[in-house]
Amino acid sequence: MSDTEDFVWTPRELSSILSTSVWIGAGSPKYSHLQIFSLFEKYAEFIEAMNYTFTPEDLTSTFGTAPSDAPILITKIGGAKGVEEMVNWLLDVNDYKSYLPHPRNIDIVVPLYIAFTIITTISVALRMVSRYRVGGGLRSFDWLTFAAYLMTMGWGAVAVYHNHVIGPNEAFWDMTWDMLRENYKVMFALNLFYPWVMMVTKLSLCMFFYRMTNMNYIRWGVWATAFITIGNTLAGFFVVLFSCSPINNWDHMLSATCRSNQDRRTSLLAVGAIYIFTDVAIWALPIPMVFQLKLYPRQRILAMFTFGIGAIACIASGFRLEAVLKYYIFSSQSAATLIIDSWTIIEMNIALICSCAPAIRALVIFYKPKIKILNRSSSSTGQTGKPSFERRSEKKEIDTEKTDTKV
């Protein structure tokens, strides 16, 4: 490497240093509490003390490397040349480590979780009140929505813990192996749990739409969407579960066998694309039902808007998929995964809020006449009522909410 003041690490070299950070962190149990940036210096001192050559046994005695992992560590860093190349690379990294960037994580997960917890909790509470007061009681899909709410809050809480585990620094060399190991464990749990949260939310909507109509083609559409959602959930779950062998690869980072980055990207893209397809399908399912109702034009637009809010969830899903493809597998551009957590929190909560929108609108329609009566003067002369057709339309919507959603 050239020794100049204008030295800059290339993207390929930065990716290699990120990988090396993981490998020497996993291969140095005695220093798992030490920042990997400082661990490079420990290795440089070790190499100089050993006169620039060492054996796997030396790694075991000095860094606590498992005897079975020591040769693997040498091969991963040194390649075909083994110890010689490992020595040169680690010394170069240590000599030029002052040129390494130190990007910071954006502290957005906690504020997002707090904000959406408040908004989503209010939305779900209003939905339950609406279903009890207007819909004649809570049905199976309401309880499924409540289960999705609890799962969403749980997922977000784990994401907040993930934010705490990673800390303010983004690059692996600014973390300890203890932090990285816990990061891999929490990421695994989040990715494993995510498909089930989305499945419960989507199935609650499918059940709701199924009970809202007798139109056969919509009911068949609901069945098809539910079937695809369940199948994609299982696929997403097992893709994550068996991405590495053994499953707890964070405890066997050097010896574990994982699918290639390209294979993982392809799997994530396929599963994510199907998720977006089901989002669009669920958003489109109720639209024919709105046209079936005899509504005042303004009310029809409002009803379309209420169900159309689901399009926002589709957009959020798209942004999340983009973040997954960009950040799930680290690169020289970023080693952060908190942006994935952020978009997932947004996606999950917006999906829940959208599922509550029709019930909240029914609650507003139900209470609006009562609020108007309270605001009227005691004199009934000169009152101007709402057009009778609009009143009948609102009543029809409330009656539909009561009669068509019993399960």
Protein backbone atom coordinates (compact mmCIF):
# COMPACT_ATOMS: atom_id res chain seq x y z
CA MET A 1 0.00 0.00 0.00
CA SER A 2 1.19 3.50 -0.76
CA ASP A 3 2.10 5.64 2.24
CA THR A 4 0.62 9.02 1.37
CA GLU A 5 -1.44 11.59 3.19
CA ASP A 6 -4.12 11.18 0.52
CA PHE A 7 -4.59 7.48 1.21
CA VAL A 8 -8.17 6.22 0.81
CA TRP A 9 -9.48 2.70 1.31
CA THR A 10 -11.16 1.31 -1.80
CA PRO A 11 -14.72 -0.09 -1.56
CA ARG A 12 -13.36 -3.60 -2.08
CA GLU A 13 -10.83 -3.15 0.71
CA LEU A 14 -13.48 -1.78 3.07
CA SER A 15 -15.66 -4.83 2.40
CA SER A 16 -12.67 -7.06 3.14
CA ILE A 17 -12.00 -5.22 6.40
CA LEU A 18 -15.64 -5.63 7.43
CA SER A 19 -15.34 -9.37 6.82
CA THR A 20 -12.00 -9.49 8.62
CA SER A 21 -13.57 -7.68 11.59
CA VAL A 22 -16.16 -10.42 11.89
CA TRP A 23 -13.60 -13.21 11.52
CA ILE A 24 -11.02 -11.97 14.02
CA GLY A 25 -13.81 -11.00 16.41
CA ALA A 26 -15.29 -14.50 16.26
CA GLY A 27 -11.80 -16.02 16.43
CA SER A 28 -10.68 -14.09 19.51
CA PRO A 29 -12.90 -15.14 22.44
CA LYS A 30 -10.39 -13.80 24.97
CA TYR A 31 -10.96 -10.29 23.59
CA SER A 32 -14.66 -10.46 22.76
CA HIS A 33 -15.19 -7.38 24.95
CA LEU A 34 -12.57 -5.34 23.06
CA GLN A 35 -13.47 -3.01 20.21
CA ILE A 36 -12.35 -4.68 16.99
CA PHE A 37 -10.61 -1.47 15.91
CA SER A 38 -8.28 -2.01 18.90
CA LEU A 39 -8.13 -5.75 18.24
CA PHE A 40 -6.28 -5.04 14.98
CA GLU A 41 -3.52 -3.52 17.12
CA LYS A 42 -3.46 -6.61 19.35
CA TYR A 43 -2.93 -8.79 16.28
CA ALA A 44 -0.17 -6.51 15.00
CA GLU A 45 1.63 -6.72 18.34
CA PHE A 46 1.19 -10.50 18.32
CA ILE A 47 2.60 -10.81 14.79
CA GLU A 48 5.65 -8.71 15.65
CA ALA A 49 6.23 -10.67 18.86
CA MET A 50 6.07 -13.94 16.89
CA ASN A 51 8.61 -12.61 14.36
CA TYR A 52 5.97 -12.39 11.60
CA THR A 53 5.02 -16.03 11.60
CA PHE A 54 2.80 -18.15 13.79
CA THR A 55 0.91 -21.43 13.98
CA PRO A 56 -2.77 -22.20 14.63
CA GLU A 57 -1.74 -23.26 18.13
CA ASP A 58 -0.32 -19.77 18.73
CA LEU A 59 -3.71 -18.26 17.88
CA THR A 60 -5.39 -20.62 20.33
CA SER A 61 -3.03 -19.79 23.19
CA THR A 62 -3.01 -16.02 22.58
CA PHE A 63 -6.56 -15.21 21.47
CA GLY A 64 -8.51 -18.23 22.66
CA THR A 65 -9.32 -19.36 19.12
CA ALA A 66 -10.94 -22.80 19.11
CA PRO A 67 -8.41 -25.38 17.83
CA SER A 68 -10.79 -26.39 15.05
CA ASP A 69 -11.33 -22.74 14.05
CA ALA A 70 -7.71 -21.54 14.01
CA PRO A 71 -6.80 -23.07 10.60
CA ILE A 72 -10.10 -21.78 9.19
CA LEU A 73 -9.33 -18.26 10.43
CA ILE A 74 -5.94 -18.35 8.73
CA THR A 75 -7.47 -19.56 5.46
CA LYS A 76 -10.30 -17.01 5.49
CA ILE A 77 -7.95 -14.06 5.96
CA GLY A 78 -4.81 -15.37 4.27
CA GLY A 79 -6.33 -17.34 1.43
CA ALA A 80 -4.04 -19.74 -0.43
CA LYS A 81 -0.89 -18.13 1.00
CA GLY A 82 -2.11 -18.71 4.54
CA VAL A 83 -0.13 -17.14 7.37
CA GLU A 84 2.07 -15.00 5.10
CA GLU A 85 -0.87 -13.18 3.51
CA MET A 86 -2.72 -12.97 6.85
CA VAL A 87 0.32 -11.27 8.39
CA ASN A 88 0.64 -8.75 5.55
CA TRP A 89 -3.07 -7.94 5.51
CA LEU A 90 -3.48 -7.47 9.26
CA LEU A 91 -0.36 -5.31 9.46
CA ASP A 92 -1.61 -3.15 6.59
CA VAL A 93 -5.01 -2.75 8.21
CA ASN A 94 -3.41 -1.77 11.51
CA ASP A 95 -0.99 0.68 9.86
CA TYR A 96 -3.76 2.43 7.94
CA LYS A 97 -6.64 1.98 10.36
CA SER A 98 -6.66 5.72 11.09
CA TYR A 99 -8.06 6.16 7.57
CA LEU A 100 -11.05 3.94 8.25
CA PRO A 101 -14.40 5.76 8.26
CA HIS A 102 -16.53 5.76 11.39
CA PRO A 103 -20.13 6.16 10.22
CA ARG A 104 -22.86 6.63 12.81
CA ASN A 105 -26.25 4.98 12.97
CA ILE A 106 -29.27 7.22 12.56
CA ASP A 107 -31.15 7.22 15.86
CA ILE A 108 -34.61 6.73 14.37
CA VAL A 109 -35.85 3.34 15.61
CA VAL A 110 -36.87 4.46 19.10
CA PRO A 111 -38.73 7.64 18.01
CA LEU A 112 -40.54 5.66 15.29
CA TYR A 113 -41.54 2.94 17.73
CA ILE A 114 -42.87 5.42 20.28
CA ALA A 115 -44.80 7.47 17.70
CA PHE A 116 -46.36 4.48 15.95
CA THR A 117 -47.14 2.74 19.24
CA ILE A 118 -49.28 5.73 20.23
CA ILE A 119 -50.98 6.08 16.84
CA THR A 120 -51.56 2.36 16.34
CA THR A 121 -52.83 1.84 19.87
CA ILE A 122 -55.39 4.61 19.40
CA SER A 123 -56.42 3.19 16.01
CA VAL A 124 -56.88 -0.36 17.32
CA ALA A 125 -58.78 0.92 20.38
CA LEU A 126 -61.14 2.94 18.16
CA ARG A 127 -61.63 -0.09 15.94
CA MET A 128 -62.62 -2.22 18.93
CA VAL A 129 -65.04 0.45 20.16
CA SER A 130 -66.52 0.72 16.67
CA ARG A 131 -66.96 -3.02 16.30
CA TYR A 132 -68.59 -3.23 19.73
CA ARG A 133 -70.86 -0.18 19.32
CA VAL A 134 -71.57 -0.25 15.58
CA GLY A 135 -70.73 -3.77 14.44
CA GLY A 136 -72.70 -5.52 17.15
CA GLY A 137 -69.71 -7.00 18.94
CA LEU A 138 -66.19 -8.24 18.40
CA ARG A 139 -65.73 -10.98 15.79
CA SER A 140 -62.97 -13.44 15.08
CA PHE A 141 -61.16 -11.09 12.69
CA ASP A 142 -61.19 -8.37 15.37
CA TRP A 143 -59.40 -10.68 17.77
CA LEU A 144 -56.98 -11.58 14.98
CA THR A 145 -56.29 -7.87 14.51
CA PHE A 146 -55.68 -7.54 18.23
CA ALA A 147 -53.24 -10.46 18.04
CA ALA A 148 -51.48 -8.71 15.13
CA TYR A 149 -51.30 -5.56 17.26
CA LEU A 150 -49.62 -7.41 20.12
CA MET A 151 -47.19 -9.10 17.71
CA THR A 152 -46.38 -5.75 16.07
CA MET A 153 -45.68 -4.15 19.43
CA GLY A 154 -43.51 -7.13 20.38
CA TRP A 155 -41.55 -6.97 17.11
CA GLY A 156 -40.98 -3.25 17.61
CA ALA A 157 -39.77 -3.79 21.18
CA VAL A 158 -37.18 -6.29 19.92
CA ALA A 159 -36.14 -3.76 17.25
CA VAL A 160 -35.60 -1.19 20.01
CA TYR A 161 -33.40 -3.73 21.79
CA HIS A 162 -31.55 -4.30 18.50
CA ASN A 163 -30.91 -0.56 18.35
CA HIS A 164 -29.48 -0.72 21.88
CA VAL A 165 -27.30 -3.74 21.03
CA ILE A 166 -25.70 -2.15 17.98
CA GLY A 167 -25.13 1.20 19.63
CA PRO A 168 -24.27 4.45 17.85
CA ASN A 169 -21.61 3.05 15.51
CA GLU A 170 -22.35 1.43 12.17
CA ALA A 171 -19.04 -0.12 11.11
CA PHE A 172 -18.11 -3.54 12.49
CA TRP A 173 -14.62 -2.40 13.48
CA ASP A 174 -16.21 0.10 15.89
CA MET A 175 -18.02 -2.71 17.76
CA THR A 176 -16.94 -5.55 20.01
CA TRP A 177 -17.52 -9.18 19.10
CA ASP A 178 -19.99 -9.43 21.98
CA MET A 179 -22.03 -6.69 20.28
CA LEU A 180 -21.74 -8.28 16.84
CA ARG A 181 -22.70 -11.71 18.12
CA GLU A 182 -25.79 -10.34 19.86
CA ASN A 183 -26.57 -8.33 16.73
CA TYR A 184 -26.65 -11.50 14.62
CA LYS A 185 -28.90 -13.24 17.15
CA VAL A 186 -31.40 -10.38 17.32
CA MET A 187 -31.41 -9.94 13.53
CA PHE A 188 -32.17 -13.62 13.16
CA ALA A 189 -35.09 -13.38 15.60
CA LEU A 190 -36.50 -10.28 13.89
CA ASN A 191 -36.29 -11.78 10.41
CA LEU A 192 -37.76 -15.07 11.63
CA PHE A 193 -40.72 -13.39 13.37
CA TYR A 194 -41.51 -10.80 10.67
CA PRO A 195 -43.43 -13.08 8.24
CA TRP A 196 -45.81 -14.25 10.98
CA VAL A 197 -46.68 -10.71 12.08
CA MET A 198 -47.53 -9.72 8.52
CA MET A 199 -49.49 -12.93 7.94
CA VAL A 200 -51.76 -12.37 10.95
CA THR A 201 -52.43 -8.76 9.90
CA LYS A 202 -53.26 -9.75 6.33
CA LEU A 203 -55.43 -12.71 7.32
CA SER A 204 -57.47 -10.46 9.63
CA LEU A 205 -58.18 -8.22 6.63
CA CYS A 206 -59.01 -11.19 4.42
CA MET A 207 -61.51 -12.49 6.97
CA PHE A 208 -63.05 -9.03 7.29
CA PHE A 209 -63.49 -8.63 3.54
CA TYR A 210 -64.85 -12.17 3.22
CA ARG A 211 -67.65 -11.42 5.67
CA MET A 212 -68.43 -8.05 4.09
CA THR A 213 -69.70 -9.38 0.78
CA ASN A 214 -71.55 -12.20 -0.95
CA MET A 215 -69.82 -11.49 -4.26
CA ASN A 216 -68.30 -14.82 -5.25
CA TYR A 217 -65.35 -13.49 -7.21
CA ILE A 218 -64.28 -11.32 -4.27
CA ARG A 219 -64.57 -14.28 -1.91
CA TRP A 220 -62.49 -16.39 -4.27
CA GLY A 221 -59.99 -13.52 -4.40
CA VAL A 222 -59.87 -13.51 -0.61
CA TRP A 223 -59.21 -17.26 -0.53
CA ALA A 224 -56.46 -16.95 -3.14
CA THR A 225 -54.82 -14.02 -1.34
CA ALA A 226 -54.95 -15.85 2.00
CA PHE A 227 -53.47 -19.00 0.46
CA ILE A 228 -50.60 -17.05 -1.15
CA THR A 229 -50.00 -15.14 2.09
CA ILE A 230 -49.74 -18.32 4.16
CA GLY A 231 -47.47 -20.00 1.59
CA ASN A 232 -45.21 -16.96 1.35
CA THR A 233 -45.04 -16.73 5.14
CA LEU A 234 -43.81 -20.32 5.36
CA ALA A 235 -41.31 -19.67 2.56
CA GLY A 236 -40.00 -16.50 4.24
CA PHE A 237 -39.72 -18.29 7.57
CA PHE A 238 -37.77 -21.28 6.27
CA VAL A 239 -35.55 -19.15 4.01
CA VAL A 240 -34.31 -17.34 7.13
CA LEU A 241 -34.28 -20.42 9.37
CA PHE A 242 -32.08 -22.49 7.07
CA SER A 243 -29.93 -19.74 5.57
CA CYS A 244 -26.96 -21.06 7.55
CA SER A 245 -25.90 -24.39 9.00
CA PRO A 246 -25.84 -24.67 11.93
CA ILE A 247 -28.78 -22.36 12.55
CA ASN A 248 -26.99 -20.58 15.40
CA ASN A 249 -24.19 -19.56 13.08
CA TRP A 250 -23.21 -16.67 15.39
CA ASP A 251 -21.69 -19.31 17.70
CA HIS A 252 -19.86 -20.96 14.79
CA MET A 253 -19.05 -17.95 12.62
CA LEU A 254 -15.85 -19.40 11.18
CA SER A 255 -17.04 -22.95 10.55
CA ALA A 256 -20.70 -22.31 9.67
CA THR A 257 -21.83 -22.86 6.09
CA CYS A 258 -24.15 -20.16 4.74
CA ARG A 259 -25.84 -19.67 1.41
CA SER A 260 -24.12 -17.26 -0.95
CA ASN A 261 -24.98 -13.57 -0.84
CA GLN A 262 -26.53 -13.80 -4.31
CA ASP A 263 -28.77 -16.71 -3.28
CA ARG A 264 -29.93 -14.84 -0.20
CA ARG A 265 -30.64 -11.69 -2.19
CA THR A 266 -32.65 -13.70 -4.73
CA SER A 267 -34.68 -15.39 -1.98
CA LEU A 268 -35.34 -12.10 -0.20
CA LEU A 269 -36.38 -10.45 -3.46
CA ALA A 270 -38.80 -13.27 -4.34
CA VAL A 271 -40.42 -13.35 -0.90
CA GLY A 272 -40.58 -9.55 -0.69
CA ALA A 273 -42.11 -9.21 -4.16
CA ILE A 274 -44.87 -11.68 -3.26
CA TYR A 275 -45.53 -9.73 -0.05
CA ILE A 276 -46.02 -6.57 -2.10
CA PHE A 277 -48.30 -8.47 -4.50
CA THR A 278 -50.51 -9.59 -1.60
CA ASP A 279 -50.50 -6.01 -0.27
CA VAL A 280 -51.82 -4.77 -3.60
CA ALA A 281 -54.39 -7.59 -3.76
CA ILE A 282 -55.71 -6.81 -0.27
CA TRP A 283 -55.86 -3.11 -1.12
CA ALA A 284 -57.84 -3.83 -4.31
CA LEU A 285 -60.27 -6.42 -2.90
CA PRO A 286 -62.79 -4.03 -1.26
CA ILE A 287 -62.98 -1.57 -4.16
CA PRO A 288 -65.78 -3.44 -6.04
CA MET A 289 -67.77 -3.55 -2.79
CA VAL A 290 -67.65 0.23 -2.54
CA PHE A 291 -69.14 0.57 -6.03
CA GLN A 292 -71.83 -1.95 -5.10
CA LEU A 293 -73.14 0.24 -2.28
CA LYS A 294 -75.65 2.96 -3.11
CA LEU A 295 -73.77 5.90 -1.72
CA TYR A 296 -73.90 9.63 -2.15
CA PRO A 297 -71.03 10.63 -4.52
CA ARG A 298 -69.08 12.40 -1.79
CA GLN A 299 -69.47 9.40 0.48
CA ARG A 300 -68.35 7.05 -2.26
CA ILE A 301 -65.17 9.08 -2.63
CA LEU A 302 -64.62 9.03 1.13
CA ALA A 303 -65.21 5.28 1.24
CA MET A 304 -62.74 4.76 -1.61
CA PHE A 305 -60.25 6.93 0.23
CA THR A 306 -60.75 4.94 3.45
CA PHE A 307 -59.98 1.64 1.78
CA GLY A 308 -57.40 3.26 -0.49
CA ILE A 309 -55.25 4.14 2.51
CA GLY A 310 -53.98 0.59 2.11
CA ALA A 311 -51.95 1.82 -0.86
CA ILE A 312 -49.66 3.51 1.67
CA ALA A 313 -48.87 0.09 3.13
CA CYS A 314 -47.91 -1.10 -0.36
CA ILE A 315 -45.51 1.83 -0.71
CA ALA A 316 -44.00 1.14 2.72
CA SER A 317 -43.50 -2.51 1.73
CA GLY A 318 -41.64 -1.39 -1.37
CA PHE A 319 -39.29 0.85 0.62
CA ARG A 320 -38.68 -1.95 3.12
CA LEU A 321 -37.79 -4.39 0.35
CA GLU A 322 -35.37 -1.85 -1.12
CA ALA A 323 -33.74 -1.45 2.31
CA VAL A 324 -33.49 -5.23 2.77
CA LEU A 325 -31.77 -5.70 -0.59
CA LYS A 326 -29.38 -2.82 0.11
CA TYR A 327 -28.51 -3.32 3.78
CA TYR A 328 -29.28 -6.93 4.76
CA ILE A 329 -25.88 -8.06 3.48
CA PHE A 330 -23.14 -5.62 4.47
CA SER A 331 -21.05 -3.83 1.88
CA SER A 332 -18.52 -1.02 1.69
CA GLN A 333 -21.44 1.41 1.47
CA SER A 334 -23.10 0.38 4.71
CA ALA A 335 -23.09 -2.25 7.42
CA ALA A 336 -26.25 -0.90 9.08
CA THR A 337 -29.42 -2.93 9.45
CA LEU A 338 -31.36 -0.47 11.62
CA ILE A 339 -32.81 1.15 8.50
CA ILE A 340 -34.48 -2.21 7.77
CA ASP A 341 -35.92 -2.22 11.29
CA SER A 342 -37.20 1.32 10.76
CA TRP A 343 -39.02 0.54 7.51
CA THR A 344 -40.42 -2.67 9.00
CA ILE A 345 -41.87 -0.74 11.95
CA ILE A 346 -43.46 1.68 9.49
CA GLU A 347 -44.81 -1.12 7.29
CA MET A 348 -46.30 -3.17 10.13
CA ASN A 349 -47.97 -0.24 11.85
CA ILE A 350 -49.35 1.31 8.68
CA ALA A 351 -50.84 -2.06 7.73
CA LEU A 352 -52.56 -2.22 11.12
CA ILE A 353 -53.77 1.37 10.94
CA CYS A 354 -55.16 0.74 7.45
CA SER A 355 -56.99 -2.34 8.70
CA CYS A 356 -58.67 -0.17 11.34
CA ALA A 357 -59.66 2.68 8.99
CA PRO A 358 -63.07 1.28 7.82
CA ALA A 359 -64.20 0.61 11.39
CA ILE A 360 -63.05 4.05 12.54
CA ARG A 361 -64.99 5.65 9.68
CA ALA A 362 -68.10 3.68 10.68
CA LEU A 363 -67.67 4.96 14.24
CA VAL A 364 -67.43 8.55 13.01
CA ILE A 365 -70.59 8.12 10.91
CA PHE A 366 -72.36 6.54 13.88
CA TYR A 367 -71.57 9.37 16.28
CA LYS A 368 -71.71 12.32 13.88
CA PRO A 369 -75.52 12.80 14.09
CA LYS A 370 -75.38 12.60 17.89
CA ILE A 371 -72.67 15.25 18.03
CA LYS A 372 -74.71 17.48 15.73
CA ILE A 373 -77.78 17.10 17.93
CA LEU A 374 -75.76 18.17 20.97
CA ASN A 375 -74.57 21.26 19.12
CA ARG A 376 -77.99 22.33 17.97
CA SER A 377 -79.92 25.02 19.76
CA SER A 378 -83.01 24.09 21.72
CA SER A 379 -85.10 25.66 18.99
CA SER A 380 -85.79 23.32 16.08
CA THR A 381 -87.07 26.05 13.76
CA GLY A 382 -85.01 26.88 10.73
CA GLN A 383 -82.97 23.70 10.92
CA THR A 384 -81.44 22.50 7.71
CA GLY A 385 -80.88 18.77 7.58
CA LYS A 386 -78.56 16.73 5.51
CA PRO A 387 -79.99 15.53 2.19
CA SER A 388 -82.14 12.50 2.85
CA PHE A 389 -80.24 10.35 0.35
CA GLU A 390 -76.96 11.06 2.14
CA ARG A 391 -78.51 10.15 5.49
CA ARG A 392 -79.84 6.91 4.03
CA SER A 393 -76.40 6.19 2.57
CA GLU A 394 -74.74 6.60 5.95
CA LYS A 395 -77.37 4.39 7.56
CA LYS A 396 -76.78 1.76 4.89
CA GLU A 397 -73.04 1.79 5.62
CA ILE A 398 -73.71 1.31 9.34
CA ASP A 399 -76.23 -1.46 8.65
CA THR A 400 -73.69 -3.14 6.37
CA GLU A 401 -71.11 -2.95 9.15
CA LYS A 402 -73.57 -4.62 11.53
CA THR A 403 -74.98 -7.37 9.33
CA ASP A 404 -72.25 -8.34 6.89
CA THR A 405 -69.39 -8.91 9.31
CA LYS A 406 -70.79 -11.49 11.68
CA VAL A 407 -68.65 -14.54 12.19
